[in-house]
N, C-alpha and C. Protein backbone atom coordinates (compact mmCIF):
# COMPACT_ATOMS: atom_id res chain seq x y z
N UNK A 1 -27.51 -25.35 -10.05
CA UNK A 1 -28.10 -24.35 -9.84
C UNK A 1 -27.39 -22.91 -8.94
N UNK A 2 -26.64 -23.98 -7.58
CA UNK A 2 -26.00 -22.85 -7.21
C UNK A 2 -24.90 -22.89 -6.45
N UNK A 3 -23.97 -21.88 -6.41
CA UNK A 3 -22.45 -21.37 -5.95
C UNK A 3 -22.61 -21.93 -4.43
N UNK A 4 -22.65 -22.04 -3.70
CA UNK A 4 -23.17 -22.06 -2.00
C UNK A 4 -21.13 -21.62 -1.34
N UNK A 5 -21.37 -20.52 -0.47
CA UNK A 5 -20.15 -20.55 0.33
C UNK A 5 -20.33 -20.37 1.82
N UNK A 6 -19.53 -20.02 2.05
CA UNK A 6 -20.02 -19.93 3.30
C UNK A 6 -18.05 -19.19 3.90
N UNK A 7 -18.45 -18.12 4.85
CA UNK A 7 -17.53 -17.30 5.64
C UNK A 7 -17.28 -17.30 7.27
N UNK A 8 -16.16 -17.35 7.39
CA UNK A 8 -16.43 -17.56 9.14
C UNK A 8 -15.66 -15.65 9.36
N UNK A 9 -15.80 -15.50 9.93
CA UNK A 9 -15.91 -13.56 10.16
C UNK A 9 -15.97 -13.31 11.99
N UNK A 10 -15.53 -12.46 11.94
CA UNK A 10 -15.99 -12.16 13.18
C UNK A 10 -17.27 -10.83 13.39
N UNK A 11 -18.46 -11.34 13.29
CA UNK A 11 -19.67 -10.90 12.57
C UNK A 11 -19.96 -10.14 14.33
N UNK A 12 -19.65 -10.48 15.30
CA UNK A 12 -19.66 -9.27 16.86
C UNK A 12 -19.28 -8.31 16.40
N UNK A 13 -18.19 -8.04 15.29
CA UNK A 13 -17.77 -6.60 15.01
C UNK A 13 -18.64 -5.70 14.28
N UNK A 14 -19.10 -6.80 13.04
CA UNK A 14 -19.73 -5.63 12.52
C UNK A 14 -20.51 -4.92 12.53
N UNK A 15 -21.24 -4.33 13.64
CA UNK A 15 -21.94 -2.89 13.93
C UNK A 15 -21.37 -1.89 14.01
N UNK A 16 -19.89 -2.31 14.41
CA UNK A 16 -18.93 -1.08 15.33
C UNK A 16 -18.32 -0.67 13.83
N UNK A 17 -18.74 -1.02 12.51
CA UNK A 17 -18.31 -0.78 11.35
C UNK A 17 -19.76 -0.78 10.24
N UNK A 18 -20.60 -0.76 11.41
CA UNK A 18 -22.34 -0.25 10.66
C UNK A 18 -22.12 -1.70 9.37
N UNK A 19 -21.98 -3.09 9.28
CA UNK A 19 -22.39 -3.20 8.50
C UNK A 19 -22.84 -5.02 8.61
N UNK A 20 -23.29 -5.35 7.98
CA UNK A 20 -24.18 -7.25 7.88
C UNK A 20 -24.14 -7.62 6.83
N UNK A 21 -24.40 -8.92 6.22
CA UNK A 21 -24.16 -9.76 5.42
C UNK A 21 -24.85 -9.09 3.98
N UNK A 22 -25.74 -8.02 4.09
CA UNK A 22 -26.01 -7.28 3.10
C UNK A 22 -24.76 -6.61 2.18
N UNK A 23 -24.47 -6.13 2.96
CA UNK A 23 -23.08 -5.48 2.86
C UNK A 23 -22.06 -6.09 1.93
N UNK A 24 -21.70 -7.12 2.78
CA UNK A 24 -20.64 -8.22 2.11
C UNK A 24 -21.37 -9.00 1.08
N UNK A 25 -22.30 -9.05 0.63
CA UNK A 25 -22.94 -9.50 -0.42
C UNK A 25 -23.10 -8.83 -1.81
N UNK A 26 -22.67 -7.31 -1.25
CA UNK A 26 -23.36 -6.42 -2.67
C UNK A 26 -22.81 -6.74 -3.92
N UNK A 27 -21.63 -7.43 -4.07
CA UNK A 27 -20.91 -8.00 -5.06
C UNK A 27 -21.94 -9.07 -6.02
N UNK A 28 -21.87 -10.18 -5.32
CA UNK A 28 -22.74 -11.58 -5.53
C UNK A 28 -24.01 -10.83 -6.26
N UNK A 29 -24.77 -9.87 -4.93
CA UNK A 29 -26.05 -9.81 -5.31
C UNK A 29 -25.75 -9.54 -6.96
N UNK A 30 -24.86 -8.13 -7.51
CA UNK A 30 -25.21 -8.08 -8.40
C UNK A 30 -24.91 -8.70 -9.34
N UNK A 31 -23.86 -9.72 -9.11
CA UNK A 31 -23.73 -10.78 -9.90
C UNK A 31 -24.94 -12.02 -10.62
N UNK A 32 -25.36 -11.87 -9.40
CA UNK A 32 -26.66 -12.65 -9.37
C UNK A 32 -28.21 -11.57 -10.43
N UNK A 33 -27.97 -10.79 -10.26
CA UNK A 33 -29.09 -9.75 -10.81
C UNK A 33 -28.79 -9.50 -11.81
N UNK A 34 -27.94 -9.12 -12.15
CA UNK A 34 -27.37 -8.18 -13.60
C UNK A 34 -27.14 -9.49 -14.66
N UNK A 35 -26.14 -10.64 -14.20
CA UNK A 35 -25.86 -11.63 -14.42
C UNK A 35 -26.09 -13.29 -14.56
N UNK A 36 -27.43 -12.89 -14.24
CA UNK A 36 -27.35 -14.46 -13.84
C UNK A 36 -26.94 -15.01 -12.99
N UNK A 37 -25.89 -14.95 -12.00
CA UNK A 37 -24.88 -15.17 -11.74
C UNK A 37 -23.32 -15.76 -12.27
N UNK A 38 -23.01 -16.93 -11.92
CA UNK A 38 -21.87 -17.46 -12.69
C UNK A 38 -22.43 -18.52 -13.73
N UNK A 39 -22.43 -18.41 -14.77
CA UNK A 39 -22.51 -19.67 -16.09
C UNK A 39 -23.96 -20.09 -15.43
N UNK A 40 -24.74 -19.11 -15.00
CA UNK A 40 -25.88 -20.03 -14.78
C UNK A 40 -26.42 -19.72 -13.34
N UNK A 41 -25.41 -20.00 -12.65
CA UNK A 41 -25.66 -20.92 -11.60
C UNK A 41 -25.56 -19.16 -10.53
N UNK A 42 -26.67 -19.19 -9.66
CA UNK A 42 -26.84 -17.99 -8.82
C UNK A 42 -25.41 -18.34 -7.64
N UNK A 43 -25.07 -17.12 -7.17
CA UNK A 43 -23.86 -17.33 -5.49
C UNK A 43 -24.79 -17.12 -4.74
N UNK A 44 -24.53 -17.72 -3.53
CA UNK A 44 -25.29 -18.08 -2.17
C UNK A 44 -23.88 -17.90 -0.99
N UNK A 45 -23.81 -17.04 -0.35
CA UNK A 45 -22.82 -16.84 0.71
C UNK A 45 -23.60 -16.48 1.64
N UNK A 46 -23.01 -17.41 3.03
CA UNK A 46 -23.73 -16.77 4.34
C UNK A 46 -22.46 -17.00 5.09
N UNK A 47 -22.63 -16.54 6.22
CA UNK A 47 -21.93 -15.71 7.26
C UNK A 47 -21.53 -16.96 8.80
N UNK A 48 -20.73 -16.98 9.19
CA UNK A 48 -20.98 -18.16 10.74
C UNK A 48 -19.66 -16.97 11.54
N UNK A 49 -20.31 -16.73 12.59
CA UNK A 49 -19.93 -15.65 13.23
C UNK A 49 -18.29 -16.90 14.16
N UNK A 50 -17.05 -15.82 13.68
CA UNK A 50 -15.92 -16.78 14.41
C UNK A 50 -15.35 -15.94 15.89
N UNK A 51 -16.08 -15.23 15.70
CA UNK A 51 -15.93 -14.70 17.19
C UNK A 51 -14.00 -13.87 17.23
N UNK A 52 -13.57 -13.91 16.23
CA UNK A 52 -12.04 -12.84 16.36
C UNK A 52 -11.81 -13.97 17.12
N UNK A 53 -11.85 -15.66 17.50
CA UNK A 53 -11.32 -16.26 18.28
C UNK A 53 -11.09 -17.77 17.47
N UNK A 54 -9.85 -17.87 17.57
CA UNK A 54 -9.47 -19.28 16.74
C UNK A 54 -10.00 -20.50 16.64
N UNK A 55 -10.52 -21.05 18.13
CA UNK A 55 -11.50 -22.11 18.48
C UNK A 55 -12.77 -21.85 17.79
N UNK A 56 -13.46 -20.63 18.10
CA UNK A 56 -14.55 -20.53 17.60
C UNK A 56 -14.55 -20.58 16.02
N UNK A 57 -13.24 -19.79 15.63
CA UNK A 57 -13.27 -20.02 13.72
C UNK A 57 -13.85 -21.45 13.74
N UNK A 58 -12.78 -23.00 13.88
CA UNK A 58 -13.00 -24.02 13.40
C UNK A 58 -14.72 -24.15 14.10
N UNK A 59 -15.30 -24.00 14.92
CA UNK A 59 -16.58 -24.24 15.05
C UNK A 59 -17.50 -23.52 13.59
N UNK A 60 -17.34 -22.78 13.14
CA UNK A 60 -17.92 -21.40 12.46
C UNK A 60 -17.68 -22.28 11.24
N UNK A 61 -16.29 -23.01 11.21
CA UNK A 61 -15.96 -23.55 9.63
C UNK A 61 -17.12 -24.58 9.45
N UNK A 62 -16.99 -25.81 10.93
CA UNK A 62 -17.56 -26.48 10.82
C UNK A 62 -18.86 -26.81 10.20
N UNK A 63 -19.70 -25.40 11.50
CA UNK A 63 -21.41 -25.26 11.09
C UNK A 63 -21.77 -24.67 9.19
N UNK A 64 -20.03 -23.76 8.76
CA UNK A 64 -20.28 -23.62 7.19
C UNK A 64 -20.12 -24.92 6.69
N UNK A 65 -19.90 -25.60 6.73
CA UNK A 65 -19.55 -27.45 6.18
C UNK A 65 -20.89 -28.03 6.19
N UNK A 66 -21.39 -28.11 6.93
CA UNK A 66 -23.08 -28.43 7.31
C UNK A 66 -23.23 -27.91 6.47
N UNK A 67 -23.34 -27.05 5.84
CA UNK A 67 -24.42 -26.22 4.62
C UNK A 67 -24.12 -26.47 3.26
N UNK A 68 -23.33 -27.74 3.23
CA UNK A 68 -23.09 -27.97 1.97
C UNK A 68 -22.36 -27.22 1.13
N UNK A 69 -21.30 -26.50 1.37
CA UNK A 69 -20.77 -25.18 0.81
C UNK A 69 -19.62 -26.32 -0.52
N UNK A 70 -19.65 -25.06 -1.48
CA UNK A 70 -18.49 -25.33 -2.23
C UNK A 70 -17.02 -25.14 -1.75
N UNK A 71 -16.91 -23.92 -0.85
CA UNK A 71 -15.84 -23.36 -0.90
C UNK A 71 -15.93 -22.63 1.14
N UNK A 72 -15.16 -22.82 1.40
CA UNK A 72 -14.85 -21.35 2.61
C UNK A 72 -13.94 -20.85 2.55
N UNK A 73 -14.56 -19.60 3.06
CA UNK A 73 -14.40 -18.18 2.91
C UNK A 73 -13.43 -17.64 4.04
N UNK A 74 -11.77 -17.36 4.53
CA UNK A 74 -11.93 -16.44 6.10
C UNK A 74 -12.09 -15.39 5.66
N UNK A 75 -12.34 -14.37 6.63
CA UNK A 75 -12.32 -12.92 6.94
C UNK A 75 -10.92 -12.63 7.93
N UNK A 76 -11.11 -11.48 7.92
CA UNK A 76 -10.11 -11.12 8.72
C UNK A 76 -9.52 -11.99 9.75
N UNK A 77 -8.18 -12.15 10.04
CA UNK A 77 -7.84 -12.84 11.50
C UNK A 77 -6.84 -13.59 11.66
N UNK A 78 -5.60 -13.27 11.61
CA UNK A 78 -4.32 -13.56 11.60
C UNK A 78 -4.54 -14.68 12.20
N UNK A 79 -4.83 -14.59 13.54
CA UNK A 79 -4.84 -16.11 14.74
C UNK A 79 -5.82 -17.39 14.57
N UNK A 80 -6.91 -16.64 13.46
CA UNK A 80 -7.99 -17.65 13.26
C UNK A 80 -7.85 -18.41 12.09
N UNK A 81 -6.32 -17.75 11.29
CA UNK A 81 -7.08 -18.20 9.86
C UNK A 81 -5.90 -19.67 10.21
N UNK A 82 -4.98 -19.80 10.77
CA UNK A 82 -3.91 -20.62 10.77
C UNK A 82 -4.85 -22.01 11.37
N UNK A 83 -5.17 -21.91 12.37
CA UNK A 83 -6.46 -23.26 12.52
C UNK A 83 -7.55 -23.44 12.01
N UNK A 84 -8.16 -22.70 11.38
CA UNK A 84 -8.93 -23.27 10.35
C UNK A 84 -8.41 -23.47 9.13
N UNK A 85 -7.07 -23.38 8.78
CA UNK A 85 -6.16 -23.84 7.50
C UNK A 85 -6.14 -25.39 7.74
N UNK A 86 -5.79 -25.76 8.82
CA UNK A 86 -5.52 -26.95 9.62
C UNK A 86 -6.99 -27.77 9.70
N UNK A 87 -8.14 -26.95 10.11
CA UNK A 87 -8.75 -27.74 9.79
C UNK A 87 -9.88 -28.54 8.45
N UNK A 88 -9.41 -26.76 7.52
CA UNK A 88 -9.41 -27.11 5.92
C UNK A 88 -8.58 -28.64 5.51
N UNK A 89 -7.59 -28.64 5.96
CA UNK A 89 -7.02 -29.52 5.44
C UNK A 89 -7.58 -31.07 5.82
N UNK A 90 -7.78 -30.99 7.16
CA UNK A 90 -8.08 -32.28 7.48
C UNK A 90 -9.17 -32.80 6.91
N UNK A 91 -10.05 -31.80 6.37
CA UNK A 91 -11.40 -32.12 6.15
C UNK A 91 -11.69 -32.20 4.92
N UNK A 92 -10.62 -31.94 4.00
CA UNK A 92 -10.63 -31.56 2.48
C UNK A 92 -11.64 -30.50 2.65
N UNK A 93 -11.51 -29.39 2.56
CA UNK A 93 -12.82 -28.41 2.37
C UNK A 93 -11.94 -27.47 1.84
N UNK A 94 -11.99 -26.83 0.18
CA UNK A 94 -11.71 -25.48 -0.25
C UNK A 94 -11.82 -24.65 0.54
N UNK A 95 -10.51 -23.50 0.62
CA UNK A 95 -10.33 -22.66 1.85
C UNK A 95 -9.34 -21.40 0.92
N UNK A 96 -10.39 -20.37 1.32
CA UNK A 96 -9.70 -19.12 0.15
C UNK A 96 -9.42 -18.15 1.55
N UNK A 97 -8.50 -17.71 1.89
CA UNK A 97 -9.20 -17.01 3.48
C UNK A 97 -7.82 -15.60 3.29
N UNK A 98 -7.81 -14.92 4.30
CA UNK A 98 -7.37 -13.49 4.22
C UNK A 98 -5.71 -13.85 4.53
N UNK A 99 -5.07 -12.56 5.03
CA UNK A 99 -3.73 -12.75 5.60
C UNK A 99 -3.71 -13.41 6.61
N UNK A 100 -2.25 -14.64 6.42
CA UNK A 100 -1.71 -15.45 7.68
C UNK A 100 -0.09 -15.34 7.46
N UNK A 101 -0.06 -15.61 8.40
CA UNK A 101 1.59 -16.19 8.34
C UNK A 101 2.13 -17.44 7.47
N UNK A 102 3.17 -17.26 6.85
CA UNK A 102 3.04 -18.61 6.20
C UNK A 102 3.78 -19.87 6.90
N UNK A 103 4.03 -19.56 8.16
CA UNK A 103 4.21 -20.57 9.01
C UNK A 103 3.79 -21.39 8.95
N UNK A 104 3.21 -22.69 9.15
CA UNK A 104 2.59 -24.09 8.73
C UNK A 104 1.69 -24.41 7.61
N UNK A 105 1.79 -23.33 6.60
CA UNK A 105 1.53 -23.47 5.70
C UNK A 105 1.96 -24.48 4.42
N UNK A 106 3.33 -24.95 4.65
CA UNK A 106 4.29 -25.39 3.82
C UNK A 106 2.92 -26.94 3.26
N UNK A 107 2.93 -27.39 2.07
CA UNK A 107 2.58 -28.19 1.59
C UNK A 107 1.14 -28.31 1.68
N UNK A 108 -0.33 -27.31 2.49
CA UNK A 108 -1.46 -27.68 2.20
C UNK A 108 -2.05 -27.68 1.32
N UNK A 109 -3.11 -28.21 0.65
CA UNK A 109 -3.70 -28.61 -0.85
C UNK A 109 -5.24 -27.98 -0.69
N UNK A 110 -5.58 -27.48 0.28
CA UNK A 110 -6.58 -27.07 0.20
C UNK A 110 -6.99 -25.57 0.51
N UNK A 111 -6.05 -24.97 0.80
CA UNK A 111 -6.10 -23.65 2.20
C UNK A 111 -5.04 -22.85 1.07
N UNK A 112 -5.72 -21.43 0.48
CA UNK A 112 -4.66 -20.63 -0.46
C UNK A 112 -5.79 -19.33 -0.03
N UNK A 113 -4.56 -18.37 -0.40
CA UNK A 113 -4.97 -16.91 -0.13
C UNK A 113 -4.59 -16.50 -1.89
N UNK A 114 -5.09 -14.84 -2.15
CA UNK A 114 -4.21 -14.10 -3.26
C UNK A 114 -3.72 -13.01 -2.55
N UNK A 115 -3.86 -12.69 -0.93
CA UNK A 115 -2.84 -11.58 -0.63
C UNK A 115 -1.91 -11.85 0.15
N UNK A 116 -0.59 -11.17 0.31
CA UNK A 116 0.37 -11.09 0.84
C UNK A 116 0.46 -11.71 2.64
N UNK A 117 1.29 -12.34 2.85
CA UNK A 117 1.64 -12.78 3.83
C UNK A 117 1.55 -12.04 5.29
N UNK A 118 1.72 -12.73 6.50
CA UNK A 118 2.00 -11.60 7.69
C UNK A 118 3.09 -11.42 7.36
N UNK A 119 3.96 -11.95 6.94
CA UNK A 119 5.30 -11.89 6.87
C UNK A 119 6.19 -10.74 5.78
N UNK A 120 4.60 -11.16 4.59
CA UNK A 120 5.30 -9.85 3.82
C UNK A 120 4.73 -8.34 3.96
N UNK A 121 3.59 -8.61 4.95
CA UNK A 121 3.47 -7.16 5.34
C UNK A 121 4.19 -6.61 6.09
N UNK A 122 4.69 -7.47 6.78
CA UNK A 122 6.13 -6.63 7.53
C UNK A 122 6.53 -6.01 6.74
N UNK A 123 7.65 -6.39 5.52
CA UNK A 123 8.90 -6.47 5.00
C UNK A 123 7.70 -5.38 3.86
N UNK A 124 7.07 -5.01 3.87
CA UNK A 124 6.08 -4.07 3.62
C UNK A 124 6.31 -2.52 3.94
N UNK A 125 5.51 -2.93 5.65
CA UNK A 125 5.81 -1.48 6.06
C UNK A 125 6.56 -1.10 5.78
N UNK A 126 8.16 -2.03 6.54
CA UNK A 126 9.33 -1.84 6.43
C UNK A 126 10.37 -0.80 5.17
N UNK A 127 9.28 -0.89 3.72
CA UNK A 127 9.69 -0.86 2.66
C UNK A 127 9.03 0.38 2.89
N UNK A 128 7.55 0.98 3.24
CA UNK A 128 6.66 2.06 3.30
C UNK A 128 7.66 2.74 4.07
N UNK A 129 8.16 2.69 5.56
CA UNK A 129 9.27 3.64 6.08
C UNK A 129 10.12 3.81 5.73
N UNK A 130 11.07 3.22 4.94
CA UNK A 130 12.12 3.26 3.87
C UNK A 130 11.52 4.49 3.22
N UNK A 131 10.45 4.50 2.10
CA UNK A 131 10.69 5.56 1.21
C UNK A 131 10.22 6.43 1.73
N UNK A 132 8.82 7.20 2.63
CA UNK A 132 8.35 7.99 3.35
C UNK A 132 9.20 8.61 4.75
N UNK A 133 9.76 7.80 5.35
CA UNK A 133 9.64 8.38 7.18
C UNK A 133 10.97 8.03 7.65
N UNK A 134 11.73 7.37 6.65
CA UNK A 134 13.33 7.41 6.56
C UNK A 134 14.03 8.72 7.78
N UNK A 135 14.41 8.29 8.56
CA UNK A 135 14.97 9.46 9.69
C UNK A 135 14.12 9.98 10.62
N UNK A 136 13.26 9.04 10.89
CA UNK A 136 12.22 9.16 11.42
C UNK A 136 12.12 7.99 12.88
N UNK A 137 12.08 8.44 13.93
CA UNK A 137 11.99 6.95 14.83
C UNK A 137 10.75 5.97 15.02
N UNK A 138 11.11 4.91 15.27
CA UNK A 138 10.35 4.45 14.83
C UNK A 138 9.49 2.97 15.75
N UNK A 139 9.13 2.96 16.06
CA UNK A 139 8.76 2.40 17.27
C UNK A 139 7.67 0.93 17.02
N UNK A 140 7.10 -0.15 18.04
CA UNK A 140 6.21 -1.37 17.23
C UNK A 140 5.67 -1.68 18.33
N UNK A 141 4.30 -1.26 17.71
CA UNK A 141 3.07 -1.88 19.19
C UNK A 141 2.84 -3.56 18.49
N UNK A 142 2.71 -4.83 19.43
CA UNK A 142 2.90 -5.92 18.69
C UNK A 142 2.37 -6.57 19.24
N UNK A 143 0.95 -7.52 19.13
CA UNK A 143 0.48 -8.20 19.17
C UNK A 143 0.66 -9.33 19.62
N UNK A 144 1.06 -10.04 20.84
CA UNK A 144 1.34 -11.02 21.53
C UNK A 144 0.65 -12.39 21.29
N UNK A 145 1.07 -12.56 19.57
CA UNK A 145 0.53 -13.98 19.20
C UNK A 145 1.85 -14.23 18.00
N UNK A 146 1.86 -15.61 18.50
CA UNK A 146 2.74 -16.13 17.48
C UNK A 146 2.16 -16.28 16.06
N UNK A 147 1.09 -15.55 15.60
CA UNK A 147 0.48 -15.74 15.00
C UNK A 147 0.60 -14.20 13.95
N UNK A 148 1.18 -13.31 14.71
CA UNK A 148 1.48 -11.47 14.65
C UNK A 148 2.72 -11.53 14.36
N UNK A 149 3.62 -12.11 15.18
CA UNK A 149 5.20 -11.97 15.79
C UNK A 149 6.39 -12.35 14.22
N UNK A 150 5.54 -13.01 13.09
CA UNK A 150 6.14 -13.48 12.22
C UNK A 150 6.34 -11.79 11.36
N UNK A 151 4.98 -11.01 11.26
CA UNK A 151 4.79 -10.09 10.77
C UNK A 151 6.33 -8.92 11.19
N UNK A 152 5.67 -9.03 12.67
CA UNK A 152 6.77 -7.62 13.48
C UNK A 152 7.93 -8.07 12.95
N UNK A 153 8.50 -9.30 13.09
CA UNK A 153 9.41 -9.83 12.85
C UNK A 153 10.55 -9.26 11.37
N UNK A 154 9.66 -9.72 10.54
CA UNK A 154 9.81 -8.99 8.87
C UNK A 154 10.32 -8.02 8.98
N UNK A 155 9.40 -7.16 9.88
CA UNK A 155 9.38 -5.66 9.78
C UNK A 155 10.79 -5.70 10.51
N UNK A 156 10.94 -5.79 11.47
CA UNK A 156 12.59 -5.21 12.50
C UNK A 156 13.62 -5.74 11.62
N UNK A 157 13.57 -6.92 10.95
CA UNK A 157 14.94 -7.84 10.10
C UNK A 157 14.90 -6.64 8.66
N UNK A 158 13.89 -6.36 8.06
CA UNK A 158 14.19 -5.43 7.16
C UNK A 158 14.96 -3.79 7.75
N UNK A 159 14.44 -3.05 8.45
CA UNK A 159 14.88 -1.90 8.76
C UNK A 159 16.44 -2.77 9.52
N UNK A 160 16.93 -3.45 10.04
CA UNK A 160 17.90 -3.64 10.40
C UNK A 160 19.05 -3.85 9.51
N UNK A 161 18.27 -4.62 8.51
CA UNK A 161 19.38 -4.49 7.11
C UNK A 161 19.80 -3.18 6.71
N UNK A 162 18.98 -2.29 6.80
CA UNK A 162 19.57 -0.73 6.48
C UNK A 162 19.78 -0.05 7.64
N UNK A 163 19.83 -0.87 8.63
CA UNK A 163 20.63 0.28 10.07
C UNK A 163 19.70 1.14 10.74
N UNK A 164 18.51 0.49 10.97
CA UNK A 164 17.59 1.17 11.10
C UNK A 164 17.35 0.46 12.44
N UNK A 165 16.79 1.28 13.52
CA UNK A 165 16.64 0.28 15.13
C UNK A 165 15.71 0.76 15.66
N UNK A 166 14.58 0.17 15.98
CA UNK A 166 13.48 0.42 17.17
C UNK A 166 13.77 0.86 17.90
N UNK A 167 13.41 2.22 18.29
CA UNK A 167 13.95 2.55 19.55
C UNK A 167 12.37 2.36 20.56
N UNK A 168 11.39 1.56 20.69
CA UNK A 168 10.96 1.40 21.44
C UNK A 168 9.79 0.25 21.22
N UNK A 169 9.62 -1.24 21.94
CA UNK A 169 9.06 -1.87 21.03
C UNK A 169 7.93 -2.17 22.30
N UNK A 170 6.68 -2.39 22.04
CA UNK A 170 5.41 -2.90 23.29
C UNK A 170 4.88 -3.90 22.80
N UNK A 171 4.76 -4.87 23.44
CA UNK A 171 3.87 -5.80 23.52
C UNK A 171 2.78 -5.74 23.82
N UNK A 172 1.71 -6.21 23.80
CA UNK A 172 0.19 -6.07 24.16
C UNK A 172 -0.01 -7.56 23.83
N UNK A 173 -0.95 -7.47 25.57
CA UNK A 173 -1.95 -8.62 25.27
C UNK A 173 -2.01 -9.35 24.06
N UNK A 174 -2.63 -10.45 23.28
CA UNK A 174 -2.94 -10.81 22.20
C UNK A 174 -4.88 -10.89 22.31
N UNK A 175 -5.25 -10.44 23.22
CA UNK A 175 -6.53 -10.33 23.45
C UNK A 175 -6.94 -8.84 23.04
N UNK A 176 -5.68 -7.99 23.26
CA UNK A 176 -6.25 -6.53 23.20
C UNK A 176 -7.10 -5.50 22.65
N UNK A 177 -7.66 -5.08 23.05
CA UNK A 177 -9.38 -4.65 21.75
C UNK A 177 -8.33 -2.96 22.05
N UNK A 178 -7.82 -2.42 22.27
CA UNK A 178 -7.70 -0.87 22.31
C UNK A 178 -6.64 -0.93 22.28
N UNK A 179 -5.79 0.33 22.05
CA UNK A 179 -4.21 0.61 22.06
C UNK A 179 -4.03 1.71 21.80
N UNK A 180 -4.84 2.20 21.93
CA UNK A 180 -4.66 4.09 22.05
C UNK A 180 -3.23 4.22 22.95
N UNK A 181 -3.32 3.59 24.00
CA UNK A 181 -2.52 4.10 25.44
C UNK A 181 -1.10 3.23 24.50
N UNK A 182 -1.07 2.39 23.91
CA UNK A 182 0.05 2.18 23.68
C UNK A 182 0.65 2.46 22.50
N UNK A 183 0.34 3.20 21.51
CA UNK A 183 0.09 4.07 20.57
C UNK A 183 1.07 5.77 21.55
N UNK A 184 -0.28 6.00 22.64
CA UNK A 184 0.32 6.89 22.62
C UNK A 184 1.82 7.44 23.32
N UNK A 185 2.22 5.94 23.94
CA UNK A 185 3.53 5.67 24.65
C UNK A 185 4.70 5.83 23.85
N UNK A 186 3.94 5.96 22.47
CA UNK A 186 5.22 5.71 21.56
C UNK A 186 5.66 7.43 21.14
């Protein structure tokens, strides 16, 4: 009678965006109220805080699984998702996640995304530069993380194919929360 899903997400930062679980569930509340659910089954979505941390994300996924869910959902988290993808494979848990690197995803049976990869996002930002900002200097503020690096590398590679050089490349700590000075340095 119920379709249960649970998401790991950085609930720690929800207040910064003035969001709550009720805000995230607007769609499902509407589906349940207006349509009687999905094929007569009400949809219930709960959330576990992953603190935007890969290890805590696995703990959150484990807490979600304990709720007897149909599917695990992954919020934003380039660094969290690869860890949880591995966990999902080991636990045979269906996992629909946000953008992540392609690295480590080959042969996975339980993890899926409808979004472009980190690598494709890098290529896409290069295409944006080429279509709207060609001729302007390019700088990169790159989070020092194995899960973010493929996107930055794809961005630089796509520009290099067009003869465009990055004039400034700032690597920042992978746990840095404020990039204001790094952007101003550009």
